[in-house]
Protein backbone atom coordinates (compact mmCIF):
# COMPACT_ATOMS: atom_id res chain seq x y z
CA UNK A 1 -0.06 36.60 12.65
CA UNK A 2 -0.37 36.43 8.48
CA UNK A 3 2.83 35.37 7.55
CA UNK A 4 3.93 35.06 3.62
CA UNK A 5 6.47 32.20 3.03
CA UNK A 6 8.32 31.92 -0.03
CA UNK A 7 9.80 28.62 -1.22
CA UNK A 8 6.94 27.08 0.72
CA UNK A 9 7.65 24.11 -1.45
CA UNK A 10 11.27 23.48 -0.60
CA UNK A 11 12.46 21.27 1.79
CA UNK A 12 13.05 23.55 4.54
CA UNK A 13 9.78 25.67 3.64
CA UNK A 14 7.63 22.44 3.71
CA UNK A 15 8.77 21.71 7.45
CA UNK A 16 8.25 25.14 8.62
CA UNK A 17 4.62 25.77 6.92
CA UNK A 18 3.43 22.61 9.08
CA UNK A 19 5.20 24.50 12.39
CA UNK A 20 3.71 27.98 11.80
CA UNK A 21 0.09 26.65 11.04
CA UNK A 22 -0.08 23.37 13.24
CA UNK A 23 2.47 24.50 16.37
CA UNK A 24 2.06 28.30 16.40
CA UNK A 25 -1.59 28.92 14.99
CA UNK A 26 -0.42 31.46 12.10
CA UNK A 27 -2.47 32.37 8.95
CA UNK A 28 0.25 31.23 6.11
CA UNK A 29 0.35 32.69 2.38
CA UNK A 30 2.27 30.27 0.54
CA UNK A 31 4.09 31.74 -2.58
CA UNK A 32 4.78 28.85 -4.83
CA UNK A 33 5.58 28.62 -9.05
CA UNK A 34 3.07 26.12 -9.71
CA UNK A 35 0.06 24.86 -7.02
CA UNK A 36 0.44 21.46 -8.27
CA UNK A 37 3.94 21.24 -6.32
CA UNK A 38 2.56 22.02 -2.87
CA UNK A 39 -0.32 19.60 -1.33
CA UNK A 40 -1.78 21.17 1.40
CA UNK A 41 -3.96 18.44 3.90
CA UNK A 42 -7.52 19.13 4.27
CA UNK A 43 -7.05 20.00 7.73
CA UNK A 44 -4.88 22.91 7.09
CA UNK A 45 -6.29 24.57 4.27
CA UNK A 46 -8.61 26.87 6.23
CA UNK A 47 -5.15 28.73 7.54
CA UNK A 48 -3.12 28.35 4.20
CA UNK A 49 -3.49 30.04 1.02
CA UNK A 50 -1.49 29.13 -2.06
CA UNK A 51 -0.37 31.69 -4.35
CA UNK A 52 1.30 31.34 -7.49
CA UNK A 53 4.25 33.57 -8.16
CA UNK A 54 7.86 34.09 -9.81
CA UNK A 55 10.28 36.09 -7.97
CA UNK A 56 12.06 36.28 -11.30
CA UNK A 57 8.80 37.90 -13.02
CA UNK A 58 7.96 41.25 -10.81
CA UNK A 59 4.23 41.08 -12.25
CA UNK A 60 3.41 37.67 -11.24
CA UNK A 61 3.70 39.22 -7.55
CA UNK A 62 0.83 41.31 -8.01
CA UNK A 63 -1.72 38.59 -6.66
CA UNK A 64 -0.20 38.48 -3.00
CA UNK A 65 -1.88 40.21 -0.16
CA UNK A 66 -0.16 43.34 1.31
CA UNK A 67 -1.67 42.92 4.82
CA UNK A 68 1.35 40.44 5.94
CA UNK A 69 3.26 41.08 9.42
CA UNK A 70 6.41 38.61 8.23
CA UNK A 71 8.03 37.07 5.49
CA UNK A 72 10.31 34.66 4.84
CA UNK A 73 12.77 34.28 2.31
CA UNK A 74 13.61 30.54 1.81
CA UNK A 75 14.55 30.56 -1.77
CA UNK A 76 17.59 30.08 -3.88
CA UNK A 77 18.60 29.23 -7.34
CA UNK A 78 21.66 27.37 -6.78
CA UNK A 79 20.40 24.48 -8.61
CA UNK A 80 18.98 25.61 -11.76
CA UNK A 81 21.55 26.33 -13.81
CA UNK A 82 25.55 25.89 -13.03
CA UNK A 83 26.35 29.59 -14.37
CA UNK A 84 24.57 32.66 -13.86
CA UNK A 85 22.73 31.85 -10.45
CA UNK A 86 24.01 34.71 -8.92
CA UNK A 87 22.21 36.84 -11.47
CA UNK A 88 18.92 35.18 -10.63
CA UNK A 89 19.13 35.23 -7.28
CA UNK A 90 19.83 38.74 -6.95
CA UNK A 91 16.87 39.33 -9.19
CA UNK A 92 14.50 37.38 -7.11
CA UNK A 93 15.93 39.43 -3.92
CA UNK A 94 15.38 42.81 -6.03
CA UNK A 95 12.12 41.74 -6.99
CA UNK A 96 10.93 40.47 -3.31
CA UNK A 97 12.67 43.59 -2.01
CA UNK A 98 10.34 46.13 -4.44
CA UNK A 99 7.53 44.16 -3.41
CA UNK A 100 7.79 43.85 0.15
CA UNK A 101 8.37 47.70 0.25
CA UNK A 102 4.65 48.32 -0.61
CA UNK A 103 3.01 45.81 2.05
CA UNK A 104 2.41 46.29 5.71
CA UNK A 105 5.17 43.54 6.69
CA UNK A 106 6.99 44.37 9.88
CA UNK A 107 10.10 41.74 9.58
CA UNK A 108 11.94 39.53 6.76
CA UNK A 109 13.51 36.31 7.69
CA UNK A 110 16.27 35.26 5.64
CA UNK A 111 17.73 31.71 5.82
CA UNK A 112 21.27 32.14 4.26
CA UNK A 113 24.70 29.82 4.21
CA UNK A 114 27.11 29.99 6.83
CA UNK A 115 30.62 30.94 5.84
CA UNK A 116 33.21 33.84 7.62
CA UNK A 117 36.13 33.31 5.45
CA UNK A 118 37.93 36.26 3.45
CA UNK A 119 37.81 34.42 -0.06
CA UNK A 120 34.07 33.42 -0.43
CA UNK A 121 32.82 30.81 -3.17
CA UNK A 122 30.23 32.61 -5.68
CA UNK A 123 27.66 30.62 -3.77
CA UNK A 124 28.48 32.17 -0.32
CA UNK A 125 28.90 35.49 -2.41
CA UNK A 126 25.70 35.44 -3.69
CA UNK A 127 23.99 34.79 -0.16
CA UNK A 128 25.82 38.09 1.13
CA UNK A 129 24.40 40.08 -2.34
CA UNK A 130 20.87 38.72 -1.51
CA UNK A 131 21.19 39.84 2.24
CA UNK A 132 22.41 43.34 0.86
CA UNK A 133 19.58 43.62 -1.58
CA UNK A 134 16.90 42.56 1.22
CA UNK A 135 18.19 45.10 3.40
CA UNK A 136 17.39 47.54 0.97
CA UNK A 137 13.75 47.31 1.54
CA UNK A 138 11.93 49.51 4.31
CA UNK A 139 11.43 46.19 6.29
CA UNK A 140 13.61 45.07 8.73
CA UNK A 141 15.69 41.97 7.90
CA UNK A 142 16.58 39.19 10.14
CA UNK A 143 19.31 36.76 8.92
CA UNK A 144 20.12 33.53 9.85
CA UNK A 145 23.40 31.92 8.71
CA UNK A 146 23.06 28.17 8.69
CA UNK A 147 25.95 25.34 7.57
CA UNK A 148 24.98 21.85 6.66
CA UNK A 149 21.28 21.04 7.76
CA UNK A 150 20.96 17.15 9.28
CA UNK A 151 17.17 16.19 8.71
CA UNK A 152 15.79 13.33 6.13
CA UNK A 153 15.28 14.84 2.67
CA UNK A 154 17.85 17.72 2.84
CA UNK A 155 19.87 17.84 0.20
CA UNK A 156 23.30 17.78 2.22
CA UNK A 157 21.99 14.69 4.33
CA UNK A 158 20.96 12.83 1.54
CA UNK A 159 24.58 13.36 -0.14
CA UNK A 160 26.27 12.09 2.95
CA UNK A 161 24.19 9.28 2.94
CA UNK A 162 24.94 8.31 -0.55
CA UNK A 163 28.57 8.90 -0.07
CA UNK A 164 28.42 6.72 2.92
CA UNK A 165 26.06 3.82 1.90
CA UNK A 166 27.49 3.43 -1.61
CA UNK A 167 31.12 3.90 -0.84
CA UNK A 168 33.30 1.34 1.35
CA UNK A 169 36.56 3.47 0.22
CA UNK A 170 36.37 6.74 -0.73
CA UNK A 171 39.22 8.79 -2.65
CA UNK A 172 38.26 12.39 -1.44
CA UNK A 173 39.73 15.55 -2.14
CA UNK A 174 41.66 17.72 0.42
CA UNK A 175 38.65 19.82 1.07
CA UNK A 176 37.14 16.95 3.27
CA UNK A 177 39.76 18.10 5.88
CA UNK A 178 37.94 21.76 6.10
CA UNK A 179 35.66 22.38 9.28
CA UNK A 180 31.66 22.89 9.29
CA UNK A 181 29.15 22.83 12.04
CA UNK A 182 26.37 20.99 11.37
CA UNK A 183 22.96 21.80 12.66
CA UNK A 184 19.83 19.35 13.11
CA UNK A 185 16.66 20.58 10.87
CA UNK A 186 14.54 20.95 14.41
CA UNK A 187 17.19 23.43 15.75
CA UNK A 188 17.04 25.30 12.66
CA UNK A 189 12.91 25.31 12.58
CA UNK A 190 13.49 26.56 16.40
CA UNK A 191 15.28 29.22 15.52
CA UNK A 192 13.22 30.37 12.24
CA UNK A 193 10.18 30.32 14.32
CA UNK A 194 12.00 32.12 17.36
CA UNK A 195 13.20 35.33 15.48
CA UNK A 196 9.67 35.52 14.54
CA UNK A 197 8.76 39.17 15.35
CA UNK A 198 11.15 39.04 18.34
CA UNK A 199 12.47 42.79 19.15
CA UNK A 200 15.76 41.77 19.45
CA UNK A 201 16.45 40.12 16.28
CA UNK A 202 15.10 42.95 13.98
CA UNK A 203 17.90 44.32 11.64
CA UNK A 204 20.43 41.08 12.91
CA UNK A 205 22.31 38.51 11.51
CA UNK A 206 23.21 35.61 13.44
CA UNK A 207 25.09 32.57 12.76
CA UNK A 208 23.40 29.15 13.92
CA UNK A 209 24.78 25.86 14.48
CA UNK A 210 25.46 22.34 16.35
CA UNK A 211 27.72 22.05 19.38
CA UNK A 212 30.18 19.85 17.17
CA UNK A 213 33.19 21.56 14.67
CA UNK A 214 34.15 18.79 12.71
CA UNK A 215 35.61 18.43 9.78
CA UNK A 216 33.97 16.72 6.64
CA UNK A 217 35.71 13.65 6.86
CA UNK A 218 35.12 13.12 10.61
CA UNK A 219 31.37 13.63 9.17
CA UNK A 220 31.23 11.09 6.74
CA UNK A 221 33.15 8.46 9.23
CA UNK A 222 30.62 9.55 12.30
CA UNK A 223 27.75 9.10 9.91
CA UNK A 224 29.09 5.52 8.87
CA UNK A 225 29.49 4.50 12.29
CA UNK A 226 25.99 5.69 13.09
CA UNK A 227 25.02 3.39 10.77
CA UNK A 228 27.34 0.35 11.95
CA UNK A 229 29.31 0.70 8.89
CA UNK A 230 33.16 0.20 8.28
CA UNK A 231 34.32 2.91 5.65
CA UNK A 232 37.86 4.10 4.50
CA UNK A 233 38.45 7.39 3.17
CA UNK A 234 41.85 8.73 1.54
CA UNK A 235 42.69 12.10 0.63
CA UNK A 236 44.09 13.28 -2.43
CA UNK A 237 45.01 16.71 -3.76
CA UNK A 238 44.30 16.27 -7.44
CA UNK A 239 40.95 16.31 -7.44
CA UNK A 240 40.11 19.80 -8.96
CA UNK A 241 36.48 21.22 -8.05
CA UNK A 242 35.21 20.20 -11.75
CA UNK A 243 36.68 16.54 -11.03
CA UNK A 244 34.61 16.37 -7.60
CA UNK A 245 31.81 17.71 -8.84
CA UNK A 246 31.43 14.94 -11.21
CA UNK A 247 32.44 12.52 -8.56
CA UNK A 248 29.24 13.76 -6.74
CA UNK A 249 27.08 13.86 -9.35
CA UNK A 250 27.59 10.44 -10.49
CA UNK A 251 28.10 8.60 -7.01
CA UNK A 252 25.18 10.59 -5.41
CA UNK A 253 21.54 11.91 -6.30
CA UNK A 254 22.26 15.53 -6.62
CA UNK A 255 22.48 17.18 -9.92
CA UNK A 256 25.40 18.68 -11.66
CA UNK A 257 24.51 21.72 -11.10
CA UNK A 258 24.03 21.71 -7.43
CA UNK A 259 26.87 19.31 -7.23
CA UNK A 260 29.22 22.06 -8.59
CA UNK A 261 28.00 24.54 -6.15
CA UNK A 262 28.31 22.81 -3.39
CA UNK A 263 32.31 21.10 -3.95
CA UNK A 264 32.45 25.39 -4.86
CA UNK A 265 31.42 26.05 -1.02
CA UNK A 266 33.18 23.40 0.45
CA UNK A 267 36.80 25.24 -0.18
CA UNK A 268 35.25 27.37 2.95
CA UNK A 269 34.71 26.57 6.24
CA UNK A 270 31.42 26.67 7.77
CA UNK A 271 31.79 27.23 11.34
CA UNK A 272 29.92 29.86 13.57
CA UNK A 273 32.08 32.96 14.14
CA UNK A 274 29.59 34.65 16.73
CA UNK A 275 26.85 32.94 19.25
CA UNK A 276 24.62 36.17 20.17
CA UNK A 277 21.87 34.10 19.16
CA UNK A 278 22.07 32.18 22.48
CA UNK A 279 21.84 35.19 24.28
CA UNK A 280 18.27 35.62 23.18
CA UNK A 281 16.85 32.02 22.38
CA UNK A 282 18.97 29.87 24.45
CA UNK A 283 18.82 26.56 23.04
CA UNK A 284 20.78 23.17 23.71
CA UNK A 285 21.30 21.86 20.05
CA UNK A 286 22.01 18.43 18.95
CA UNK A 287 25.01 16.95 18.68
CA UNK A 288 25.49 15.66 15.14
CA UNK A 289 25.08 11.94 15.94
CA UNK A 290 21.78 12.49 17.55
CA UNK A 291 20.85 14.79 14.64
CA UNK A 292 21.77 11.56 12.53
CA UNK A 293 19.79 9.42 14.84
CA UNK A 294 16.56 11.71 14.98
CA UNK A 295 16.83 11.87 11.33
CA UNK A 296 16.72 7.71 10.86
CA UNK A 297 14.18 7.80 13.92
CA UNK A 298 11.84 9.69 11.54
CA UNK A 299 12.82 7.81 8.79
CA UNK A 300 11.66 4.37 10.26
CA UNK A 301 8.24 5.99 11.40
CA UNK A 302 7.87 7.38 7.90
CA UNK A 303 7.14 10.32 9.02
CA UNK A 304 9.06 12.37 6.19
CA UNK A 305 9.93 9.97 3.04
CA UNK A 306 11.57 12.35 1.08
CA UNK A 307 10.08 14.12 -2.28
CA UNK A 308 13.70 14.66 -3.90
CA UNK A 309 13.18 12.17 -6.15
CA UNK A 310 13.22 11.30 -9.55
CA UNK A 311 10.61 8.55 -11.30
CA UNK A 312 11.17 6.30 -13.53
CA UNK A 313 7.69 4.90 -14.82
CA UNK A 314 7.41 2.12 -16.52
CA UNK A 315 3.61 2.60 -17.90
CA UNK A 316 1.06 -0.32 -17.52
CA UNK A 317 1.43 -3.74 -17.66
CA UNK A 318 -1.32 -6.21 -17.88
CA UNK A 319 -4.28 -3.89 -17.75
CA UNK A 320 -6.12 -3.44 -15.32
CA UNK A 321 -3.10 -3.72 -13.13
CA UNK A 322 -1.14 -0.56 -13.42
CA UNK A 323 2.87 -0.94 -12.41
CA UNK A 324 5.16 1.74 -11.23
CA UNK A 325 8.55 1.94 -10.80
CA UNK A 326 10.17 4.59 -8.86
CA UNK A 327 13.81 5.28 -8.06
CA UNK A 328 13.92 8.00 -5.63
CA UNK A 329 16.34 10.74 -5.31
CA UNK A 330 16.59 9.31 -1.47
CA UNK A 331 18.70 6.23 -2.30
CA UNK A 332 14.86 4.30 -1.71
CA UNK A 333 13.37 1.87 -4.55
CA UNK A 334 9.95 2.10 -4.60
CA UNK A 335 7.05 -0.25 -6.49
CA UNK A 336 3.90 0.85 -6.79
CA UNK A 337 0.94 -1.40 -8.02
CA UNK A 338 -2.70 -0.10 -8.61
CA UNK A 339 -5.75 -2.11 -9.33
CA UNK A 340 -9.49 -1.09 -9.64
CA UNK A 341 -11.81 -2.37 -7.04
CA UNK A 342 -15.60 -3.22 -7.09
CA UNK A 343 -16.41 -3.49 -3.51
CA UNK A 344 -14.45 -1.07 -1.31
CA UNK A 345 -15.62 -2.47 2.37
CA UNK A 346 -14.70 -6.11 1.32
CA UNK A 347 -11.59 -5.02 -0.06
CA UNK A 348 -10.66 -3.15 3.22
CA UNK A 349 -11.75 -6.10 5.53
CA UNK A 350 -9.44 -8.41 3.37
CA UNK A 351 -6.17 -5.74 3.78
CA UNK A 352 -7.36 -5.69 7.50
CA UNK A 353 -6.93 -9.41 7.84
CA UNK A 354 -3.92 -10.35 6.09
CA UNK A 355 -1.18 -12.18 8.05
CA UNK A 356 -1.35 -14.09 11.09
CA UNK A 357 -3.24 -17.65 10.22
CA UNK A 358 -4.72 -16.08 7.14
CA UNK A 359 -1.35 -15.81 5.71
CA UNK A 360 -0.60 -13.43 2.71
CA UNK A 361 -2.83 -14.23 0.29
CA UNK A 362 -0.23 -15.32 -2.55
CA UNK A 363 2.77 -17.76 -2.29
CA UNK A 364 2.23 -17.96 1.80
CA UNK A 365 4.76 -20.73 1.69
CA UNK A 366 7.59 -18.02 0.57
CA UNK A 367 6.10 -15.73 2.99
CA UNK A 368 6.95 -18.65 5.53
CA UNK A 369 10.24 -19.69 4.26
CA UNK A 370 11.22 -16.13 4.74
CA UNK A 371 9.63 -15.95 8.22
CA UNK A 372 12.24 -19.15 8.77
CA UNK A 373 14.83 -17.64 7.40
CA UNK A 374 14.70 -14.50 9.76
CA UNK A 375 14.66 -16.85 12.72
CA UNK A 376 17.77 -18.15 11.70
CA UNK A 377 19.54 -14.82 11.75
CA UNK A 378 18.08 -13.85 15.16
CA UNK A 379 14.81 -11.98 13.50
CA UNK A 380 11.47 -12.08 14.74
CA UNK A 381 10.18 -14.48 12.16
CA UNK A 382 6.32 -15.04 11.34
CA UNK A 383 3.70 -15.14 14.32
CA UNK A 384 1.17 -17.68 13.08
CA UNK A 385 -1.52 -16.50 15.87
CA UNK A 386 -4.80 -15.91 15.65
CA UNK A 387 -5.61 -11.90 15.41
CA UNK A 388 -8.73 -9.83 15.74
CA UNK A 389 -8.74 -7.89 12.57
CA UNK A 390 -10.51 -5.44 14.01
CA UNK A 391 -8.23 -4.46 17.16
CA UNK A 392 -5.53 -3.59 14.04
CA UNK A 393 -3.89 -0.63 15.36
CA UNK A 394 -0.77 1.50 14.82
CA UNK A 395 2.13 0.04 17.06
CA UNK A 396 0.71 -3.43 16.65
CA UNK A 397 2.86 -5.97 15.38
CA UNK A 398 2.11 -8.16 12.45
CA UNK A 399 3.81 -10.96 11.58
CA UNK A 400 7.44 -9.37 10.74
CA UNK A 401 6.10 -6.02 10.56
CA UNK A 402 4.85 -3.27 12.61
CA UNK A 403 2.05 -1.04 11.88
CA UNK A 404 2.91 2.52 11.55
CA UNK A 405 -0.50 3.20 10.23
CA UNK A 406 -4.17 1.89 10.35
CA UNK A 407 -6.75 3.99 9.20
CA UNK A 408 -9.58 1.27 8.65
CA UNK A 409 -12.13 4.21 7.68
CA UNK A 410 -10.34 5.36 4.65
CA UNK A 411 -8.36 2.35 3.70
CA UNK A 412 -5.12 3.09 4.95
CA UNK A 413 -2.64 0.44 6.27
CA UNK A 414 1.12 1.32 6.37
CA UNK A 415 3.26 -1.38 7.62
CA UNK A 416 7.27 -1.50 8.56
CA UNK A 417 9.41 -4.26 8.41
CA UNK A 418 11.07 -5.79 11.42
CA UNK A 419 12.81 -8.69 10.05
CA UNK A 420 16.16 -9.02 9.57
CA UNK A 421 16.84 -6.76 6.39
CA UNK A 422 19.84 -4.54 5.16
CA UNK A 423 18.22 -1.35 5.05
CA UNK A 424 14.61 -0.44 5.95
CA UNK A 425 11.34 -1.31 3.71
CA UNK A 426 7.61 -0.64 4.28
CA UNK A 427 4.59 -2.14 2.46
CA UNK A 428 1.85 -0.02 2.38
CA UNK A 429 -1.97 -0.44 1.25
CA UNK A 430 -4.48 2.27 0.44
CA UNK A 431 -7.77 2.90 -0.98
CA UNK A 432 -7.40 6.12 -3.47
CA UNK A 433 -10.77 6.65 -5.44
CA UNK A 434 -12.39 3.27 -7.26
CA UNK A 435 -8.49 1.84 -6.66
CA UNK A 436 -6.20 -0.10 -4.48
CA UNK A 437 -2.84 0.73 -4.45
CA UNK A 438 -0.10 -1.49 -3.13
CA UNK A 439 3.13 0.01 -2.21
CA UNK A 440 6.71 -1.37 -1.16
CA UNK A 441 9.40 0.70 -0.41
CA UNK A 442 12.94 -0.25 0.22
CA UNK A 443 15.98 1.94 1.53
CA UNK A 444 19.20 -0.22 1.18
CA UNK A 445 21.69 0.32 3.51
CA UNK A 446 25.36 0.01 2.01
CA UNK A 447 26.39 -2.15 -0.79
CA UNK A 448 24.62 -5.20 0.91
CA UNK A 449 21.43 -3.74 0.84
CA UNK A 450 21.77 -2.75 -2.80
CA UNK A 451 22.84 -6.32 -3.79
CA UNK A 452 19.76 -8.00 -1.20
CA UNK A 453 16.98 -5.35 -3.42
CA UNK A 454 18.27 -6.43 -6.98
CA UNK A 455 18.68 -10.09 -6.08
CA UNK A 456 15.37 -10.82 -4.71
CA UNK A 457 13.37 -8.31 -7.10
CA UNK A 458 12.15 -10.16 -9.27
CA UNK A 459 11.01 -12.69 -6.32
CA UNK A 460 9.35 -9.88 -5.06
CA UNK A 461 7.98 -8.41 -8.28
CA UNK A 462 6.05 -11.48 -8.57
CA UNK A 463 4.71 -11.84 -5.06
CA UNK A 464 3.59 -8.42 -4.59
CA UNK A 465 1.56 -8.74 -7.95
CA UNK A 466 -0.05 -11.99 -7.08
CA UNK A 467 -0.87 -10.53 -3.52
CA UNK A 468 -2.83 -7.52 -4.80
CA UNK A 469 -4.86 -9.39 -7.47
CA UNK A 470 -6.01 -12.03 -5.03
CA UNK A 471 -6.61 -9.32 -2.67
CA UNK A 472 -8.87 -7.56 -5.04
CA UNK A 473 -10.62 -10.58 -6.60
CA UNK A 474 -11.60 -12.48 -3.53
CA UNK A 475 -12.78 -9.54 -2.73
CA UNK A 476 -15.06 -9.31 -5.32
CA UNK A 477 -16.69 -12.72 -4.51
CA UNK A 478 -17.58 -11.38 -1.15
């Protein structure tokens, strides 16, 4: 089918795009405000058409093709501004409804918020208003109402993670005792695809949620247990919604507008009141603990590195070496180094020969010391055995790293740390044009992880810069 995907560069939209194209084989028209915000891999470009348009501007939708079969509505304006997002969402829905009524579409699929309380927050009221507007079009509407979605990179997941990993002791407002029914990202995607062109789903509204009904306090505690952390949460009645919003804003990585909307919504319980979707699309959804485990498995495999980030760029230091320091919104700290190269093949061979008896090219005694310390704490240490660089493949061990990606033809090597470290760490080498890019990423675990990074950052900074220079300069001599 030919499918229109609005909100294609959002968290759910990006995940759904790959499922629709790679797994389902559909043709997708991706609607975004700016094409620069959506990168489509080369192998998908034949089946993905990226179209620029703004749902707040009716005229900008004229470039959309009208011969679509189904449209996904995955847009919201909750984080755009702390005031007036309801007006923006209604206008977007009305413009979309007017346009799609002129198209050949046979179904609209809308991912909405889950709440069945009588006294709804402005956010949930806005979601219901969008549903009403979309129903006014001539195209049958299918609504999926979901609560907190558990997956690496989602706003809810990263906020929970921030709270748990940054705060050993939390003083929380009374809303943490409200119940919710979290659902795993993979289950949301299953339902989004499952209702596609399904005759029993046209014109229907479904609640979707995982098997667990827990309160937000229990969610935080279970998340901490999954991460091996001990956390204490005390509830107090004095935190107003505004104070709670500031609390989320300063402690987590969200902006204030989004924090305010989220806090206002937490007064409503997000649990399913009906389960009719199971009769049409039977599914054994993941428990909350399983969803957390799956999310962190994806993180470890580096399949998803959240794009929800705010980069701080330090500029150019000691040309020709360029340095960029990023503090991503998902809690990682990233150091990116770039240096021009002359002999691409020699550089790749140098990277593929790293480790083992060849060492790490710069301050190798420090790497040996790190391996020795790792052994003392029960880690894997360093393996100084002889290794054939031509046999380096994904899944291999490389000293105290695990190889996640080894694409020698394109000069891309990605390593995941298996040494004892309070968090997750990656080391990446890749060739981009006439530059070698070396990227070190660390996702700290709790307070100890953050103390570890900032204590050792000067050492890591010095070693990684020296290693990059050594790789490039010794390659020029070959």
